[in-house]
Amino acid sequence: MIHDGSADDYQRLHAIIHTMEAEFDCHVRVILGNHDRRAAFYEGYLPADPGPYYASRMRIGNNDFYFLDSKVSGYEAGWLAPQQLQWLGKHLRQAPTKRAFLFLHHPLDGPTMTNMHYAILQNTPALLSVLRGHNLGGVFSGHVHFVSSYLIGDNILNVVAGSAAYAIDCHDPHHHYVHEGSSYQIITIDRGQVGVTTRQLLHGKAVIGELTIPDTKFVGRAPQGYE
């Protein structure tokens, strides 16, 4: 939401979102990304401290939307804490007839994420274990600055959004190239069926930066509390 923001920044963001909800008569939900500061977000955006992670569920008709917190302070990669996985599993079991859609910042591991193992959700197998056998409509994420989609687990749809800030070409494992780029996605859900449209606002061809990646492997050791 905000790159290294302060509590005042998140307070102003909350006011903007409140205005959007009233103007467009819509629901707005937010999730933490790796550039957010959890303490500042908690102080400036929330009415009360939710605890060690910020997750929520929103129900519309026969659909349940889960907003998960994969941010871990000090890491680019993401994890879902065991307590959050337990919370998710409990709600999924309590609503077996509902179609579940998950949103989190870090993509799950999949065929197109090989060069990004160091940056994506590190405990993907643990999440897939929780999701197994449930009525999943899809998992939606971002973080890697390029658009992708793939099926994993029990044929669960995973859709990764691009970025509103800039685009990254990660086809070379150790040299990721930055371009000017901005896009967003529209997710359409109709009677349990899902479609995703990417709206490209800007796509620059020139390379404006390069990220050197010494090691593309998964992070070797999980942070304390995420084992």
Protein backbone atom coordinates (compact mmCIF):
# COMPACT_ATOMS: atom_id res chain seq x y z
CA MET A 1 0.00 0.00 0.00
CA ILE A 2 2.70 2.50 1.05
CA HIS A 3 6.47 2.20 0.70
CA ASP A 4 7.95 2.53 4.19
CA GLY A 5 4.99 4.62 5.33
CA SER A 6 4.37 6.27 8.67
CA ALA A 7 1.25 6.02 10.82
CA ASP A 8 0.12 9.40 9.44
CA ASP A 9 0.48 8.07 5.88
CA TYR A 10 -1.78 5.10 6.66
CA GLN A 11 -4.27 7.37 8.41
CA ARG A 12 -4.54 9.48 5.25
CA LEU A 13 -4.88 6.32 3.15
CA HIS A 14 -7.73 5.15 5.37
CA ALA A 15 -9.54 8.46 4.81
CA ILE A 16 -9.12 8.12 1.02
CA ILE A 17 -10.46 4.57 1.03
CA HIS A 18 -13.40 5.55 3.22
CA THR A 19 -14.26 8.24 0.64
CA MET A 20 -13.97 5.68 -2.20
CA GLU A 21 -16.33 3.28 -0.45
CA ALA A 22 -18.94 6.00 -0.03
CA GLU A 23 -18.55 7.42 -3.54
CA PHE A 24 -18.64 4.10 -5.41
CA ASP A 25 -20.83 2.17 -2.96
CA CYS A 26 -18.34 -0.69 -2.82
CA HIS A 27 -16.33 -2.80 -0.41
CA VAL A 28 -12.61 -2.11 -0.13
CA ARG A 29 -10.24 -4.55 1.56
CA VAL A 30 -6.49 -4.15 1.91
CA ILE A 31 -3.63 -6.60 2.48
CA LEU A 32 -0.07 -5.97 3.60
CA GLY A 33 2.81 -6.15 1.13
CA ASN A 34 6.51 -6.49 1.75
CA HIS A 35 7.07 -2.70 1.47
CA ASP A 36 4.47 -1.92 4.13
CA ARG A 37 5.38 -1.28 7.75
CA ARG A 38 3.15 -3.38 9.96
CA ALA A 39 3.47 -1.26 13.13
CA ALA A 40 2.69 1.96 11.25
CA PHE A 41 -0.24 0.30 9.46
CA TYR A 42 -1.66 -1.00 12.73
CA GLU A 43 -1.36 2.42 14.37
CA GLY A 44 -2.62 4.58 11.51
CA TYR A 45 -5.14 2.40 9.65
CA LEU A 46 -6.79 0.05 12.12
CA PRO A 47 -9.20 0.83 14.97
CA ALA A 48 -7.64 -1.95 17.05
CA ASP A 49 -4.53 -4.14 16.99
CA PRO A 50 -5.54 -7.46 15.33
CA GLY A 51 -2.61 -9.41 16.75
CA PRO A 52 0.42 -10.99 15.04
CA TYR A 53 -1.13 -10.97 11.57
CA TYR A 54 -3.83 -9.05 9.69
CA ALA A 55 -6.36 -11.37 8.01
CA SER A 56 -10.07 -11.14 7.38
CA ARG A 57 -13.03 -12.77 5.63
CA MET A 58 -15.78 -11.10 3.65
CA ARG A 59 -18.92 -12.98 2.59
CA ILE A 60 -20.96 -11.96 -0.46
CA GLY A 61 -23.75 -14.35 -1.41
CA ASN A 62 -22.36 -17.84 -1.79
CA ASN A 63 -18.77 -16.60 -2.00
CA ASP A 64 -16.24 -16.21 0.81
CA PHE A 65 -13.30 -13.88 0.21
CA TYR A 66 -10.25 -14.36 2.43
CA PHE A 67 -7.60 -11.68 2.76
CA LEU A 68 -4.39 -13.14 4.17
CA ASP A 69 -1.24 -11.62 5.62
CA SER A 70 1.91 -13.09 4.06
CA LYS A 71 4.24 -10.24 5.05
CA VAL A 72 7.18 -11.02 7.33
CA SER A 73 9.14 -8.00 8.55
CA GLY A 74 12.69 -7.91 7.20
CA TYR A 75 12.02 -10.34 4.33
CA GLU A 76 11.09 -9.92 0.69
CA ALA A 77 9.71 -13.46 0.68
CA GLY A 78 6.44 -14.32 2.39
CA TRP A 79 5.14 -16.88 4.86
CA LEU A 80 1.76 -17.66 6.40
CA ALA A 81 2.05 -18.25 10.13
CA PRO A 82 0.76 -21.57 11.53
CA GLN A 83 -1.93 -19.72 13.52
CA GLN A 84 -3.17 -18.04 10.34
CA LEU A 85 -3.30 -21.36 8.48
CA GLN A 86 -5.30 -22.81 11.37
CA TRP A 87 -7.68 -19.83 11.25
CA LEU A 88 -8.17 -20.30 7.50
CA GLY A 89 -8.72 -24.05 7.80
CA LYS A 90 -11.30 -23.57 10.55
CA HIS A 91 -13.37 -21.14 8.45
CA LEU A 92 -13.15 -23.30 5.34
CA ARG A 93 -14.41 -26.33 7.26
CA GLN A 94 -17.27 -24.31 8.73
CA ALA A 95 -18.49 -23.21 5.27
CA PRO A 96 -18.09 -26.24 2.95
CA THR A 97 -20.74 -25.05 0.50
CA LYS A 98 -19.24 -21.60 0.01
CA ARG A 99 -16.92 -20.85 -2.89
CA ALA A 100 -13.65 -19.56 -1.42
CA PHE A 101 -11.35 -16.97 -3.01
CA LEU A 102 -7.99 -16.15 -1.42
CA PHE A 103 -6.02 -12.93 -1.71
CA LEU A 104 -2.46 -12.46 -0.45
CA HIS A 105 0.59 -10.48 -1.52
CA HIS A 106 3.06 -13.29 -2.26
CA PRO A 107 2.37 -15.79 -5.08
CA LEU A 108 2.27 -19.50 -4.39
CA ASP A 109 4.93 -21.68 -5.96
CA GLY A 110 4.07 -22.79 -9.49
CA PRO A 111 5.51 -23.52 -12.94
CA THR A 112 6.16 -19.85 -13.78
CA MET A 113 7.74 -18.99 -10.43
CA THR A 114 10.99 -21.00 -10.76
CA ASN A 115 13.18 -17.90 -11.03
CA MET A 116 11.36 -16.28 -8.08
CA HIS A 117 11.62 -18.95 -5.39
CA TYR A 118 13.60 -16.59 -3.16
CA ALA A 119 10.74 -14.04 -3.15
CA ILE A 120 7.41 -15.91 -3.20
CA LEU A 121 5.38 -17.68 -0.51
CA GLN A 122 7.89 -19.98 1.16
CA ASN A 123 5.42 -22.39 2.78
CA THR A 124 3.22 -23.04 -0.26
CA PRO A 125 2.89 -26.78 0.60
CA ALA A 126 1.45 -25.90 4.02
CA LEU A 127 -1.20 -23.67 2.46
CA LEU A 128 -2.08 -26.26 -0.19
CA SER A 129 -2.54 -28.82 2.56
CA VAL A 130 -5.11 -26.55 4.24
CA LEU A 131 -6.91 -25.95 0.93
CA ARG A 132 -7.08 -29.60 -0.09
CA GLY A 133 -10.64 -30.84 -0.58
CA HIS A 134 -12.30 -27.43 -0.22
CA ASN A 135 -14.34 -25.47 -2.75
CA LEU A 136 -11.70 -23.06 -4.09
CA GLY A 137 -12.44 -20.50 -6.78
CA GLY A 138 -8.89 -19.20 -6.99
CA VAL A 139 -5.87 -17.66 -5.31
CA PHE A 140 -4.91 -14.10 -6.27
CA SER A 141 -1.60 -12.37 -5.53
CA GLY A 142 0.99 -9.91 -6.86
CA HIS A 143 4.49 -8.99 -5.64
CA VAL A 144 6.63 -10.19 -8.57
CA HIS A 145 5.67 -7.36 -10.98
CA PHE A 146 4.64 -9.59 -13.89
CA VAL A 147 1.35 -11.21 -14.86
CA SER A 148 1.02 -14.98 -14.62
CA SER A 149 -1.54 -17.74 -14.13
CA TYR A 150 -1.19 -21.45 -13.37
CA LEU A 151 -2.90 -24.44 -11.79
CA ILE A 152 -1.41 -26.20 -8.76
CA GLY A 153 -2.62 -28.52 -5.99
CA ASP A 154 -6.13 -29.80 -6.67
CA ASN A 155 -6.25 -27.80 -9.93
CA ILE A 156 -6.48 -24.55 -7.99
CA LEU A 157 -6.36 -21.46 -10.19
CA ASN A 158 -3.56 -19.05 -9.25
CA VAL A 159 -3.53 -15.59 -10.80
CA VAL A 160 -0.68 -13.15 -10.27
CA ALA A 161 -1.24 -9.48 -11.02
CA GLY A 162 1.30 -7.09 -12.46
CA SER A 163 2.19 -3.84 -10.75
CA ALA A 164 0.97 -0.27 -10.78
CA ALA A 165 4.56 0.93 -10.25
CA TYR A 166 6.86 -0.84 -12.73
CA ALA A 167 7.25 -4.16 -14.55
CA ILE A 168 10.02 -6.75 -14.16
CA ASP A 169 11.18 -9.29 -16.74
CA CYS A 170 12.42 -12.32 -14.80
CA HIS A 171 13.12 -14.77 -17.62
CA ASP A 172 16.87 -14.65 -16.83
CA PRO A 173 17.36 -16.32 -13.42
CA HIS A 174 20.13 -13.99 -12.23
CA HIS A 175 19.37 -10.75 -14.09
CA HIS A 176 15.89 -9.31 -13.72
CA TYR A 177 15.21 -6.31 -15.95
CA VAL A 178 13.02 -3.40 -14.88
CA HIS A 179 10.75 -1.56 -17.33
CA GLU A 180 8.29 1.27 -16.99
CA GLY A 181 4.91 -0.40 -16.64
CA SER A 182 1.56 -0.14 -14.94
CA SER A 183 -1.41 -2.50 -14.97
CA TYR A 184 -4.32 -3.77 -12.91
CA GLN A 185 -6.71 -6.71 -13.05
CA ILE A 186 -10.48 -7.07 -13.04
CA ILE A 187 -11.71 -10.35 -11.54
CA THR A 188 -15.22 -11.29 -12.61
CA ILE A 189 -17.13 -13.93 -10.64
CA ASP A 190 -20.42 -15.17 -12.03
CA ARG A 191 -22.18 -18.10 -10.29
CA GLY A 192 -18.89 -19.52 -9.13
CA GLN A 193 -17.16 -19.17 -12.49
CA VAL A 194 -14.08 -16.93 -12.60
CA GLY A 195 -12.53 -14.76 -15.29
CA VAL A 196 -9.61 -12.33 -15.05
CA THR A 197 -8.86 -9.42 -17.37
CA THR A 198 -5.57 -7.51 -17.26
CA ARG A 199 -5.76 -3.81 -18.12
CA GLN A 200 -2.36 -2.53 -19.26
CA LEU A 201 -1.94 1.20 -18.68
CA LEU A 202 1.73 1.54 -19.62
CA HIS A 203 4.31 -0.82 -21.11
CA GLY A 204 7.76 0.61 -21.71
CA LYS A 205 10.24 -1.35 -23.81
CA ALA A 206 13.38 0.33 -22.56
CA VAL A 207 15.25 -1.23 -19.63
CA ILE A 208 15.44 1.33 -16.82
CA GLY A 209 17.05 -0.89 -14.18
CA GLU A 210 18.51 -4.30 -13.48
CA LEU A 211 18.29 -6.51 -10.40
CA THR A 212 21.13 -8.96 -9.86
CA ILE A 213 19.91 -12.16 -8.19
CA PRO A 214 22.79 -14.28 -6.86
CA ASP A 215 20.57 -17.16 -5.70
CA THR A 216 17.04 -17.92 -6.87
CA LYS A 217 16.46 -20.76 -4.40
CA PHE A 218 13.95 -20.73 -1.55
CA VAL A 219 15.00 -18.99 1.67
CA GLY A 220 16.90 -21.59 3.67
CA ARG A 221 15.44 -20.95 7.10
CA ALA A 222 12.02 -19.73 8.16
CA PRO A 223 11.77 -16.78 10.61
CA GLN A 224 10.95 -17.57 14.22
CA GLY A 225 7.26 -18.38 14.62
CA TYR A 226 6.79 -19.42 10.97
CA GLU A 227 8.27 -22.92 11.14
